[in-house]
Amino acid sequence: MSQQRIRVLCVDDHPVVLEGLRALLNAQEDIEVVATGTNGQQGISLFREHRPDVTVMDLRMPSLGGVEAISTIRSTDAGARVIVLTTYQGDEDIYRALQAGAITYVLKDTLSDDLVRIVRQVHAGVHPVSQHVATRLVSRVSQPALTRREMEVLELVARGLRNKEVSAELGITEETVQVHMKNILAKLNVHDRTGAVTVALRRGILHLD
């Protein structure tokens, strides 16, 4: 019977969430949790060991986050089916997770019955996406992306550094920092540094760990 079940790997850094997922999924006649991990690195190792049918993974975890773990898992097995289960609703979070290879993106306030249904659908080859997630994804696709250097500048600004300090930290001129800030403000459609950081946090472009 166990060989006929959908074999699931769960990865989340909160023990209570893991126990809840294990109890919920193991209560189903056709689903079996074969392993659990608490960070992305464990998730990669456990995936390689167990080769689950479906992996349910959190997004923000210590040691290695979900996006990086998903990307590595998909490079190991292009057919891997990963469901992101998270509290983060930012359009950038959703975009990065799906770009990394996640099949779908589910919020942790999803009803238990819906999560079970999604696990079955993903196992069957379906890509279920809620209207909320689809709307956020469409919004993100229409937005200009920040470059790697702009991200570095914005992260330092979010830490409270002034342009001169950002310049010293990155080894670039203060004038170059000003150009990057101008581009960041334009791309995020804001007028000042505070607005840039606020929008970046809301959209999931930045996270304060």
N, C-alpha and C. Protein backbone atom coordinates (compact mmCIF):
# COMPACT_ATOMS: atom_id res chain seq x y z
N MET A 1 0.82 -1.20 0.00
CA MET A 1 0.00 0.00 0.00
C MET A 1 0.85 1.25 0.00
N SER A 2 1.98 1.23 0.78
CA SER A 2 2.80 2.42 0.90
C SER A 2 3.40 2.82 -0.44
N GLN A 3 3.68 1.83 -1.32
CA GLN A 3 4.26 2.13 -2.61
C GLN A 3 3.26 2.83 -3.53
N GLN A 4 1.97 2.68 -3.25
CA GLN A 4 0.94 3.30 -4.06
C GLN A 4 0.63 4.72 -3.60
N ARG A 5 1.09 5.07 -2.45
CA ARG A 5 0.80 6.40 -1.91
C ARG A 5 1.67 7.47 -2.57
N ILE A 6 1.19 8.70 -2.48
CA ILE A 6 1.98 9.86 -2.92
C ILE A 6 3.02 10.12 -1.85
N ARG A 7 4.28 9.99 -2.20
CA ARG A 7 5.36 10.14 -1.23
C ARG A 7 5.78 11.61 -1.16
N VAL A 8 5.68 12.18 0.05
CA VAL A 8 5.87 13.62 0.21
C VAL A 8 7.04 13.92 1.15
N LEU A 9 7.85 14.89 0.76
CA LEU A 9 8.90 15.44 1.62
C LEU A 9 8.44 16.82 2.07
N CYS A 10 8.52 17.11 3.37
CA CYS A 10 8.13 18.42 3.91
C CYS A 10 9.35 19.12 4.48
N VAL A 11 9.55 20.39 4.11
CA VAL A 11 10.71 21.15 4.58
C VAL A 11 10.23 22.49 5.12
N ASP A 12 10.46 22.73 6.41
CA ASP A 12 10.04 23.97 7.06
C ASP A 12 10.85 24.13 8.34
N ASP A 13 11.24 25.36 8.67
CA ASP A 13 12.08 25.56 9.86
C ASP A 13 11.28 25.66 11.14
N HIS A 14 9.95 25.54 11.07
CA HIS A 14 9.13 25.58 12.28
C HIS A 14 8.62 24.17 12.61
N PRO A 15 9.06 23.58 13.72
CA PRO A 15 8.65 22.22 14.09
C PRO A 15 7.14 22.03 14.16
N VAL A 16 6.43 23.05 14.63
CA VAL A 16 4.97 22.93 14.75
C VAL A 16 4.34 22.76 13.37
N VAL A 17 4.86 23.52 12.40
CA VAL A 17 4.34 23.42 11.03
C VAL A 17 4.63 22.03 10.46
N LEU A 18 5.85 21.54 10.69
CA LEU A 18 6.20 20.20 10.19
C LEU A 18 5.31 19.13 10.79
N GLU A 19 5.09 19.22 12.09
CA GLU A 19 4.23 18.22 12.74
C GLU A 19 2.81 18.30 12.20
N GLY A 20 2.33 19.54 11.97
CA GLY A 20 0.99 19.70 11.43
C GLY A 20 0.87 19.12 10.04
N LEU A 21 1.88 19.36 9.20
CA LEU A 21 1.88 18.81 7.85
C LEU A 21 1.93 17.29 7.87
N ARG A 22 2.79 16.76 8.74
CA ARG A 22 2.91 15.30 8.82
C ARG A 22 1.58 14.67 9.23
N ALA A 23 0.93 15.26 10.25
CA ALA A 23 -0.34 14.71 10.73
C ALA A 23 -1.42 14.82 9.66
N LEU A 24 -1.49 15.98 9.01
CA LEU A 24 -2.51 16.20 7.98
C LEU A 24 -2.34 15.24 6.81
N LEU A 25 -1.14 15.15 6.29
CA LEU A 25 -0.92 14.36 5.09
C LEU A 25 -0.93 12.86 5.36
N ASN A 26 -0.37 12.44 6.50
CA ASN A 26 -0.37 11.01 6.82
C ASN A 26 -1.77 10.50 7.15
N ALA A 27 -2.69 11.41 7.45
CA ALA A 27 -4.07 11.00 7.74
C ALA A 27 -4.82 10.61 6.46
N GLN A 28 -4.22 10.94 5.30
CA GLN A 28 -4.85 10.61 4.02
C GLN A 28 -4.43 9.20 3.59
N GLU A 29 -5.37 8.44 3.08
CA GLU A 29 -5.08 7.06 2.69
C GLU A 29 -4.09 6.97 1.54
N ASP A 30 -4.03 8.02 0.71
CA ASP A 30 -3.21 7.95 -0.48
C ASP A 30 -1.93 8.80 -0.39
N ILE A 31 -1.60 9.32 0.80
CA ILE A 31 -0.43 10.18 0.96
C ILE A 31 0.42 9.69 2.13
N GLU A 32 1.74 9.77 1.97
CA GLU A 32 2.66 9.37 3.03
C GLU A 32 3.83 10.36 3.09
N VAL A 33 4.08 10.95 4.26
CA VAL A 33 5.25 11.81 4.45
C VAL A 33 6.46 10.92 4.70
N VAL A 34 7.41 10.94 3.78
CA VAL A 34 8.55 10.03 3.87
C VAL A 34 9.73 10.65 4.62
N ALA A 35 9.75 12.01 4.73
CA ALA A 35 10.84 12.67 5.45
C ALA A 35 10.49 14.13 5.69
N THR A 36 11.15 14.73 6.70
CA THR A 36 10.97 16.15 6.98
C THR A 36 12.34 16.78 7.21
N GLY A 37 12.49 18.03 6.81
CA GLY A 37 13.73 18.76 7.02
C GLY A 37 13.44 20.16 7.51
N THR A 38 14.45 20.82 8.09
CA THR A 38 14.24 22.13 8.70
C THR A 38 14.95 23.27 7.98
N ASN A 39 15.66 22.98 6.89
CA ASN A 39 16.26 24.04 6.10
C ASN A 39 16.48 23.55 4.67
N GLY A 40 16.85 24.48 3.80
CA GLY A 40 16.99 24.13 2.40
C GLY A 40 18.05 23.09 2.12
N GLN A 41 19.16 23.15 2.86
CA GLN A 41 20.23 22.18 2.64
C GLN A 41 19.77 20.76 2.99
N GLN A 42 19.05 20.64 4.11
CA GLN A 42 18.48 19.34 4.46
C GLN A 42 17.48 18.89 3.41
N GLY A 43 16.71 19.85 2.91
CA GLY A 43 15.72 19.52 1.89
C GLY A 43 16.36 18.91 0.66
N ILE A 44 17.48 19.48 0.22
CA ILE A 44 18.20 18.96 -0.95
C ILE A 44 18.70 17.54 -0.68
N SER A 45 19.32 17.34 0.49
CA SER A 45 19.85 16.02 0.83
C SER A 45 18.75 14.98 0.93
N LEU A 46 17.64 15.36 1.59
CA LEU A 46 16.54 14.42 1.75
C LEU A 46 15.86 14.12 0.42
N PHE A 47 15.80 15.10 -0.45
CA PHE A 47 15.23 14.85 -1.77
C PHE A 47 16.07 13.82 -2.52
N ARG A 48 17.37 14.01 -2.49
CA ARG A 48 18.25 13.08 -3.20
C ARG A 48 18.17 11.68 -2.60
N GLU A 49 17.96 11.60 -1.30
CA GLU A 49 17.89 10.29 -0.63
C GLU A 49 16.57 9.58 -0.90
N HIS A 50 15.46 10.32 -0.81
CA HIS A 50 14.14 9.69 -0.87
C HIS A 50 13.44 9.80 -2.22
N ARG A 51 13.84 10.76 -3.04
CA ARG A 51 13.18 10.99 -4.33
C ARG A 51 11.65 11.00 -4.17
N PRO A 52 11.13 11.94 -3.41
CA PRO A 52 9.68 11.99 -3.17
C PRO A 52 8.92 12.35 -4.44
N ASP A 53 7.64 12.02 -4.47
CA ASP A 53 6.78 12.40 -5.58
C ASP A 53 6.50 13.90 -5.56
N VAL A 54 6.32 14.44 -4.34
CA VAL A 54 6.00 15.86 -4.15
C VAL A 54 6.80 16.38 -2.97
N THR A 55 7.34 17.58 -3.08
CA THR A 55 8.02 18.24 -1.97
C THR A 55 7.25 19.50 -1.59
N VAL A 56 6.96 19.65 -0.30
CA VAL A 56 6.31 20.86 0.21
C VAL A 56 7.36 21.64 0.98
N MET A 57 7.68 22.85 0.52
CA MET A 57 8.83 23.58 1.06
C MET A 57 8.50 25.02 1.42
N ASP A 58 9.00 25.45 2.59
CA ASP A 58 8.89 26.85 3.01
C ASP A 58 9.83 27.69 2.16
N LEU A 59 9.65 29.00 2.20
CA LEU A 59 10.46 29.90 1.38
C LEU A 59 11.66 30.45 2.13
N ARG A 60 11.43 30.95 3.33
CA ARG A 60 12.49 31.58 4.11
C ARG A 60 12.92 30.64 5.22
N MET A 61 14.15 30.15 5.15
CA MET A 61 14.68 29.22 6.14
C MET A 61 16.15 29.52 6.40
N PRO A 62 16.67 29.12 7.57
CA PRO A 62 18.09 29.34 7.85
C PRO A 62 18.96 28.42 7.00
N SER A 63 20.24 28.75 6.92
CA SER A 63 21.23 27.94 6.22
C SER A 63 21.09 28.06 4.70
N LEU A 64 19.91 27.73 4.17
CA LEU A 64 19.66 27.86 2.74
C LEU A 64 18.16 28.02 2.53
N GLY A 65 17.77 29.05 1.78
CA GLY A 65 16.35 29.33 1.59
C GLY A 65 15.70 28.44 0.56
N GLY A 66 14.38 28.57 0.45
CA GLY A 66 13.61 27.72 -0.44
C GLY A 66 13.92 27.92 -1.91
N VAL A 67 14.10 29.17 -2.33
CA VAL A 67 14.36 29.42 -3.75
C VAL A 67 15.64 28.72 -4.20
N GLU A 68 16.70 28.88 -3.42
CA GLU A 68 17.98 28.23 -3.76
C GLU A 68 17.84 26.71 -3.73
N ALA A 69 17.11 26.20 -2.74
CA ALA A 69 16.93 24.75 -2.63
C ALA A 69 16.13 24.20 -3.80
N ILE A 70 15.09 24.91 -4.19
CA ILE A 70 14.26 24.47 -5.32
C ILE A 70 15.09 24.42 -6.60
N SER A 71 15.88 25.46 -6.80
CA SER A 71 16.73 25.52 -8.00
C SER A 71 17.69 24.34 -8.05
N THR A 72 18.29 24.01 -6.90
CA THR A 72 19.22 22.88 -6.84
C THR A 72 18.50 21.55 -7.07
N ILE A 73 17.34 21.40 -6.45
CA ILE A 73 16.56 20.17 -6.62
C ILE A 73 16.15 19.98 -8.07
N ARG A 74 15.71 21.07 -8.71
CA ARG A 74 15.29 20.96 -10.10
C ARG A 74 16.47 20.69 -11.04
N SER A 75 17.68 21.14 -10.64
CA SER A 75 18.85 20.81 -11.45
C SER A 75 19.24 19.34 -11.28
N THR A 76 18.89 18.78 -10.11
CA THR A 76 19.12 17.36 -9.86
C THR A 76 18.09 16.51 -10.59
N ASP A 77 16.84 16.97 -10.57
CA ASP A 77 15.74 16.23 -11.20
C ASP A 77 14.78 17.24 -11.82
N ALA A 78 14.84 17.38 -13.12
CA ALA A 78 14.01 18.37 -13.82
C ALA A 78 12.53 18.10 -13.66
N GLY A 79 12.18 16.87 -13.28
CA GLY A 79 10.78 16.53 -13.10
C GLY A 79 10.28 16.67 -11.68
N ALA A 80 11.13 17.19 -10.79
CA ALA A 80 10.74 17.33 -9.38
C ALA A 80 9.54 18.25 -9.25
N ARG A 81 8.59 17.85 -8.41
CA ARG A 81 7.38 18.63 -8.20
C ARG A 81 7.46 19.26 -6.80
N VAL A 82 7.62 20.58 -6.78
CA VAL A 82 7.78 21.29 -5.51
C VAL A 82 6.65 22.29 -5.31
N ILE A 83 6.03 22.23 -4.14
CA ILE A 83 5.01 23.19 -3.73
C ILE A 83 5.63 24.12 -2.70
N VAL A 84 5.60 25.43 -2.94
CA VAL A 84 6.05 26.38 -1.92
C VAL A 84 4.87 26.65 -0.99
N LEU A 85 5.11 26.49 0.31
CA LEU A 85 4.10 26.76 1.33
C LEU A 85 4.69 27.79 2.29
N THR A 86 4.17 29.01 2.27
CA THR A 86 4.83 30.10 2.97
C THR A 86 3.83 31.15 3.45
N THR A 87 4.32 32.08 4.27
CA THR A 87 3.49 33.21 4.71
C THR A 87 3.72 34.44 3.84
N TYR A 88 4.77 34.42 3.01
CA TYR A 88 5.14 35.59 2.23
C TYR A 88 4.27 35.74 0.99
N GLN A 89 3.68 36.93 0.82
CA GLN A 89 2.74 37.16 -0.26
C GLN A 89 3.26 38.12 -1.33
N GLY A 90 4.51 38.56 -1.21
CA GLY A 90 5.06 39.53 -2.15
C GLY A 90 5.16 38.98 -3.56
N ASP A 91 4.92 39.85 -4.55
CA ASP A 91 4.97 39.39 -5.93
C ASP A 91 6.38 38.93 -6.33
N GLU A 92 7.41 39.53 -5.73
CA GLU A 92 8.77 39.11 -6.05
C GLU A 92 9.07 37.73 -5.48
N ASP A 93 8.55 37.46 -4.27
CA ASP A 93 8.70 36.12 -3.68
C ASP A 93 8.09 35.07 -4.60
N ILE A 94 6.87 35.34 -5.06
CA ILE A 94 6.17 34.40 -5.93
C ILE A 94 6.94 34.20 -7.23
N TYR A 95 7.37 35.29 -7.82
CA TYR A 95 8.09 35.24 -9.10
C TYR A 95 9.38 34.43 -8.97
N ARG A 96 10.16 34.70 -7.93
CA ARG A 96 11.44 34.00 -7.76
C ARG A 96 11.22 32.51 -7.53
N ALA A 97 10.21 32.16 -6.74
CA ALA A 97 9.95 30.75 -6.45
C ALA A 97 9.55 29.99 -7.72
N LEU A 98 8.67 30.58 -8.51
CA LEU A 98 8.23 29.91 -9.73
C LEU A 98 9.34 29.89 -10.77
N GLN A 99 10.14 30.94 -10.83
CA GLN A 99 11.28 30.95 -11.73
C GLN A 99 12.29 29.86 -11.37
N ALA A 100 12.42 29.58 -10.07
CA ALA A 100 13.36 28.55 -9.62
C ALA A 100 12.87 27.15 -9.96
N GLY A 101 11.56 27.03 -10.24
CA GLY A 101 11.04 25.73 -10.64
C GLY A 101 9.91 25.17 -9.80
N ALA A 102 9.40 25.97 -8.85
CA ALA A 102 8.26 25.51 -8.07
C ALA A 102 7.04 25.33 -8.97
N ILE A 103 6.24 24.31 -8.69
CA ILE A 103 5.04 24.05 -9.49
C ILE A 103 3.94 25.04 -9.13
N THR A 104 3.82 25.34 -7.84
CA THR A 104 2.80 26.29 -7.40
C THR A 104 3.24 26.94 -6.10
N TYR A 105 2.48 27.95 -5.69
CA TYR A 105 2.83 28.78 -4.54
C TYR A 105 1.59 28.88 -3.66
N VAL A 106 1.70 28.40 -2.43
CA VAL A 106 0.53 28.30 -1.54
C VAL A 106 0.83 29.03 -0.24
N LEU A 107 -0.14 29.80 0.24
CA LEU A 107 0.02 30.51 1.50
C LEU A 107 -0.39 29.62 2.67
N LYS A 108 0.25 29.86 3.82
CA LYS A 108 0.02 28.98 4.97
C LYS A 108 -1.37 29.12 5.58
N ASP A 109 -2.12 30.14 5.18
CA ASP A 109 -3.49 30.23 5.69
C ASP A 109 -4.47 29.44 4.82
N THR A 110 -3.94 28.68 3.87
CA THR A 110 -4.77 27.82 3.03
C THR A 110 -5.44 26.74 3.87
N LEU A 111 -6.69 26.45 3.58
CA LEU A 111 -7.41 25.42 4.33
C LEU A 111 -6.74 24.06 4.13
N SER A 112 -6.80 23.24 5.17
CA SER A 112 -6.16 21.93 5.12
C SER A 112 -6.65 21.09 3.94
N ASP A 113 -7.95 21.08 3.72
CA ASP A 113 -8.50 20.29 2.62
C ASP A 113 -7.97 20.78 1.27
N ASP A 114 -7.78 22.09 1.16
CA ASP A 114 -7.26 22.64 -0.09
C ASP A 114 -5.81 22.23 -0.30
N LEU A 115 -5.02 22.21 0.77
CA LEU A 115 -3.62 21.81 0.65
C LEU A 115 -3.52 20.35 0.22
N VAL A 116 -4.33 19.50 0.80
CA VAL A 116 -4.33 18.08 0.41
C VAL A 116 -4.70 17.95 -1.07
N ARG A 117 -5.70 18.70 -1.49
CA ARG A 117 -6.12 18.67 -2.90
C ARG A 117 -4.97 19.12 -3.81
N ILE A 118 -4.26 20.16 -3.40
CA ILE A 118 -3.15 20.68 -4.20
C ILE A 118 -2.04 19.65 -4.32
N VAL A 119 -1.73 18.94 -3.23
CA VAL A 119 -0.71 17.89 -3.28
C VAL A 119 -1.11 16.83 -4.31
N ARG A 120 -2.37 16.43 -4.29
CA ARG A 120 -2.83 15.43 -5.25
C ARG A 120 -2.78 15.96 -6.69
N GLN A 121 -3.16 17.22 -6.87
CA GLN A 121 -3.14 17.79 -8.21
C GLN A 121 -1.72 17.90 -8.76
N VAL A 122 -0.80 18.36 -7.92
CA VAL A 122 0.59 18.49 -8.35
C VAL A 122 1.16 17.13 -8.71
N HIS A 123 0.85 16.12 -7.90
CA HIS A 123 1.31 14.76 -8.19
C HIS A 123 0.76 14.28 -9.53
N ALA A 124 -0.45 14.72 -9.86
CA ALA A 124 -1.10 14.30 -11.11
C ALA A 124 -0.62 15.11 -12.31
N GLY A 125 0.27 16.07 -12.08
CA GLY A 125 0.80 16.85 -13.19
C GLY A 125 0.09 18.17 -13.44
N VAL A 126 -0.82 18.53 -12.54
CA VAL A 126 -1.54 19.79 -12.67
C VAL A 126 -0.73 20.91 -12.02
N HIS A 127 -0.86 22.13 -12.53
CA HIS A 127 -0.20 23.31 -11.95
C HIS A 127 -1.26 24.23 -11.36
N PRO A 128 -1.78 23.91 -10.17
CA PRO A 128 -2.85 24.74 -9.61
C PRO A 128 -2.30 26.06 -9.07
N VAL A 129 -2.87 27.17 -9.50
CA VAL A 129 -2.45 28.49 -9.02
C VAL A 129 -3.68 29.28 -8.63
N SER A 130 -3.70 29.78 -7.41
CA SER A 130 -4.85 30.54 -6.93
C SER A 130 -4.94 31.86 -7.67
N GLN A 131 -6.13 32.47 -7.65
CA GLN A 131 -6.33 33.76 -8.32
C GLN A 131 -5.44 34.83 -7.69
N HIS A 132 -5.29 34.76 -6.36
CA HIS A 132 -4.45 35.74 -5.66
C HIS A 132 -3.00 35.66 -6.15
N VAL A 133 -2.47 34.47 -6.22
CA VAL A 133 -1.09 34.28 -6.66
C VAL A 133 -0.95 34.68 -8.13
N ALA A 134 -1.91 34.30 -8.95
CA ALA A 134 -1.86 34.64 -10.38
C ALA A 134 -1.86 36.16 -10.58
N THR A 135 -2.67 36.85 -9.80
CA THR A 135 -2.73 38.31 -9.91
C THR A 135 -1.41 38.95 -9.52
N ARG A 136 -0.81 38.45 -8.42
CA ARG A 136 0.49 38.98 -7.99
C ARG A 136 1.56 38.70 -9.03
N LEU A 137 1.50 37.53 -9.64
CA LEU A 137 2.51 37.17 -10.63
C LEU A 137 2.40 38.05 -11.87
N VAL A 138 1.19 38.30 -12.31
CA VAL A 138 0.98 39.19 -13.46
C VAL A 138 1.51 40.58 -13.15
N SER A 139 1.26 41.04 -11.93
CA SER A 139 1.75 42.35 -11.51
C SER A 139 3.27 42.41 -11.55
N ARG A 140 3.92 41.34 -11.10
CA ARG A 140 5.39 41.31 -11.08
C ARG A 140 5.97 41.29 -12.49
N VAL A 141 5.38 40.52 -13.36
CA VAL A 141 5.90 40.39 -14.72
C VAL A 141 5.88 41.74 -15.44
N SER A 142 4.92 42.59 -15.07
CA SER A 142 4.81 43.90 -15.73
C SER A 142 5.74 44.94 -15.13
N GLN A 143 6.43 44.58 -14.04
CA GLN A 143 7.33 45.53 -13.38
C GLN A 143 8.77 45.35 -13.85
N PRO A 144 9.52 46.45 -13.99
CA PRO A 144 10.94 46.32 -14.33
C PRO A 144 11.72 45.72 -13.17
N ALA A 145 12.65 44.85 -13.47
CA ALA A 145 13.43 44.19 -12.42
C ALA A 145 14.65 45.02 -12.05
N LEU A 146 15.04 44.95 -10.78
CA LEU A 146 16.27 45.61 -10.34
C LEU A 146 17.47 44.77 -10.76
N THR A 147 18.55 45.42 -11.13
CA THR A 147 19.78 44.71 -11.45
C THR A 147 20.43 44.22 -10.15
N ARG A 148 21.42 43.35 -10.30
CA ARG A 148 22.13 42.85 -9.12
C ARG A 148 22.76 44.00 -8.33
N ARG A 149 23.38 44.95 -9.03
CA ARG A 149 24.00 46.07 -8.33
C ARG A 149 22.97 46.95 -7.65
N GLU A 150 21.84 47.16 -8.31
CA GLU A 150 20.77 47.95 -7.69
C GLU A 150 20.26 47.27 -6.43
N MET A 151 20.18 45.93 -6.46
CA MET A 151 19.78 45.18 -5.27
C MET A 151 20.78 45.38 -4.14
N GLU A 152 22.06 45.35 -4.48
CA GLU A 152 23.10 45.54 -3.46
C GLU A 152 22.99 46.93 -2.83
N VAL A 153 22.77 47.93 -3.68
CA VAL A 153 22.62 49.31 -3.17
C VAL A 153 21.39 49.41 -2.27
N LEU A 154 20.28 48.85 -2.71
CA LEU A 154 19.04 48.93 -1.95
C LEU A 154 19.15 48.22 -0.61
N GLU A 155 19.82 47.08 -0.59
CA GLU A 155 20.00 46.35 0.66
C GLU A 155 20.80 47.17 1.67
N LEU A 156 21.81 47.88 1.20
CA LEU A 156 22.60 48.73 2.10
C LEU A 156 21.81 49.94 2.55
N VAL A 157 21.02 50.50 1.66
CA VAL A 157 20.15 51.63 2.03
C VAL A 157 19.15 51.19 3.10
N ALA A 158 18.63 49.97 2.95
CA ALA A 158 17.67 49.45 3.92
C ALA A 158 18.31 49.28 5.30
N ARG A 159 19.64 49.10 5.32
CA ARG A 159 20.37 48.98 6.59
C ARG A 159 20.70 50.34 7.18
N GLY A 160 20.31 51.40 6.48
CA GLY A 160 20.51 52.75 7.00
C GLY A 160 21.75 53.46 6.52
N LEU A 161 22.48 52.89 5.55
CA LEU A 161 23.70 53.52 5.06
C LEU A 161 23.37 54.69 4.14
N ARG A 162 24.16 55.73 4.24
CA ARG A 162 24.04 56.88 3.34
C ARG A 162 24.82 56.59 2.06
N ASN A 163 24.62 57.45 1.07
CA ASN A 163 25.27 57.22 -0.23
C ASN A 163 26.78 57.09 -0.11
N LYS A 164 27.39 57.93 0.71
CA LYS A 164 28.84 57.88 0.88
C LYS A 164 29.27 56.54 1.46
N GLU A 165 28.49 56.02 2.42
CA GLU A 165 28.81 54.75 3.04
C GLU A 165 28.56 53.58 2.08
N VAL A 166 27.50 53.69 1.29
CA VAL A 166 27.23 52.67 0.26
C VAL A 166 28.37 52.64 -0.74
N SER A 167 28.85 53.84 -1.12
CA SER A 167 29.98 53.96 -2.05
C SER A 167 31.20 53.22 -1.53
N ALA A 168 31.52 53.45 -0.25
CA ALA A 168 32.70 52.80 0.35
C ALA A 168 32.51 51.29 0.46
N GLU A 169 31.31 50.87 0.80
CA GLU A 169 31.01 49.45 0.99
C GLU A 169 31.14 48.67 -0.33
N LEU A 170 30.69 49.28 -1.41
CA LEU A 170 30.67 48.58 -2.71
C LEU A 170 31.87 48.90 -3.59
N GLY A 171 32.68 49.87 -3.16
CA GLY A 171 33.86 50.22 -3.95
C GLY A 171 33.52 50.93 -5.24
N ILE A 172 32.47 51.74 -5.22
CA ILE A 172 32.07 52.53 -6.39
C ILE A 172 31.99 53.99 -5.98
N THR A 173 31.91 54.89 -6.94
CA THR A 173 31.86 56.31 -6.62
C THR A 173 30.49 56.69 -6.07
N GLU A 174 30.46 57.79 -5.35
CA GLU A 174 29.20 58.27 -4.80
C GLU A 174 28.25 58.68 -5.92
N GLU A 175 28.81 59.20 -7.01
CA GLU A 175 27.98 59.58 -8.16
C GLU A 175 27.30 58.35 -8.77
N THR A 176 28.03 57.22 -8.79
CA THR A 176 27.45 55.98 -9.31
C THR A 176 26.32 55.50 -8.41
N VAL A 177 26.50 55.63 -7.11
CA VAL A 177 25.44 55.28 -6.16
C VAL A 177 24.19 56.12 -6.44
N GLN A 178 24.39 57.40 -6.68
CA GLN A 178 23.26 58.29 -6.96
C GLN A 178 22.51 57.86 -8.22
N VAL A 179 23.27 57.43 -9.25
CA VAL A 179 22.64 56.94 -10.47
C VAL A 179 21.81 55.69 -10.19
N HIS A 180 22.39 54.78 -9.41
CA HIS A 180 21.66 53.56 -9.06
C HIS A 180 20.39 53.89 -8.27
N MET A 181 20.49 54.83 -7.34
CA MET A 181 19.31 55.20 -6.54
C MET A 181 18.23 55.82 -7.42
N LYS A 182 18.64 56.62 -8.40
CA LYS A 182 17.67 57.21 -9.31
C LYS A 182 16.93 56.12 -10.08
N ASN A 183 17.67 55.12 -10.54
CA ASN A 183 17.06 54.01 -11.27
C ASN A 183 16.14 53.19 -10.37
N ILE A 184 16.57 52.97 -9.12
CA ILE A 184 15.76 52.21 -8.16
C ILE A 184 14.43 52.92 -7.90
N LEU A 185 14.48 54.22 -7.67
CA LEU A 185 13.26 55.00 -7.41
C LEU A 185 12.31 54.94 -8.60
N ALA A 186 12.88 55.02 -9.80
CA ALA A 186 12.04 54.98 -11.00
C ALA A 186 11.40 53.61 -11.17
N LYS A 187 12.17 52.55 -10.97
CA LYS A 187 11.65 51.20 -11.15
C LYS A 187 10.59 50.83 -10.12
N LEU A 188 10.76 51.34 -8.90
CA LEU A 188 9.79 51.03 -7.84
C LEU A 188 8.67 52.06 -7.77
N ASN A 189 8.76 53.09 -8.63
CA ASN A 189 7.73 54.12 -8.72
C ASN A 189 7.52 54.84 -7.39
N VAL A 190 8.62 55.25 -6.77
CA VAL A 190 8.58 55.99 -5.50
C VAL A 190 9.46 57.23 -5.64
N HIS A 191 9.39 58.10 -4.62
CA HIS A 191 10.07 59.39 -4.71
C HIS A 191 11.25 59.53 -3.76
N ASP A 192 11.40 58.60 -2.80
CA ASP A 192 12.51 58.74 -1.87
C ASP A 192 12.98 57.38 -1.38
N ARG A 193 14.06 57.40 -0.62
CA ARG A 193 14.68 56.17 -0.15
C ARG A 193 13.76 55.37 0.76
N THR A 194 13.06 56.07 1.64
CA THR A 194 12.14 55.39 2.56
C THR A 194 11.06 54.66 1.77
N GLY A 195 10.52 55.34 0.75
CA GLY A 195 9.50 54.71 -0.09
C GLY A 195 10.03 53.49 -0.81
N ALA A 196 11.29 53.57 -1.26
CA ALA A 196 11.91 52.44 -1.97
C ALA A 196 12.02 51.22 -1.06
N VAL A 197 12.47 51.44 0.17
CA VAL A 197 12.63 50.33 1.11
C VAL A 197 11.26 49.75 1.48
N THR A 198 10.29 50.62 1.70
CA THR A 198 8.94 50.17 2.06
C THR A 198 8.33 49.30 0.98
N VAL A 199 8.42 49.76 -0.27
CA VAL A 199 7.86 48.99 -1.39
C VAL A 199 8.63 47.68 -1.58
N ALA A 200 9.95 47.74 -1.45
CA ALA A 200 10.76 46.53 -1.63
C ALA A 200 10.42 45.47 -0.58
N LEU A 201 10.18 45.88 0.64
CA LEU A 201 9.79 44.94 1.70
C LEU A 201 8.41 44.37 1.44
N ARG A 202 7.49 45.22 1.02
CA ARG A 202 6.11 44.77 0.78
C ARG A 202 6.06 43.76 -0.37
N ARG A 203 6.84 44.02 -1.41
CA ARG A 203 6.80 43.15 -2.58
C ARG A 203 7.66 41.89 -2.43
N GLY A 204 8.49 41.84 -1.38
CA GLY A 204 9.34 40.67 -1.21
C GLY A 204 10.66 40.78 -1.94
N ILE A 205 10.98 41.99 -2.42
CA ILE A 205 12.27 42.21 -3.06
C ILE A 205 13.36 42.17 -2.00
N LEU A 206 13.04 42.73 -0.83
CA LEU A 206 13.94 42.68 0.33
C LEU A 206 13.25 41.99 1.49
N HIS A 207 14.03 41.40 2.37
CA HIS A 207 13.53 40.83 3.62
C HIS A 207 14.46 41.27 4.75
N LEU A 208 13.89 41.67 5.86
CA LEU A 208 14.69 42.03 7.02
C LEU A 208 14.82 40.79 7.90
N ASP A 209 15.98 40.13 7.85
CA ASP A 209 16.20 38.89 8.62
C ASP A 209 16.76 39.22 10.00
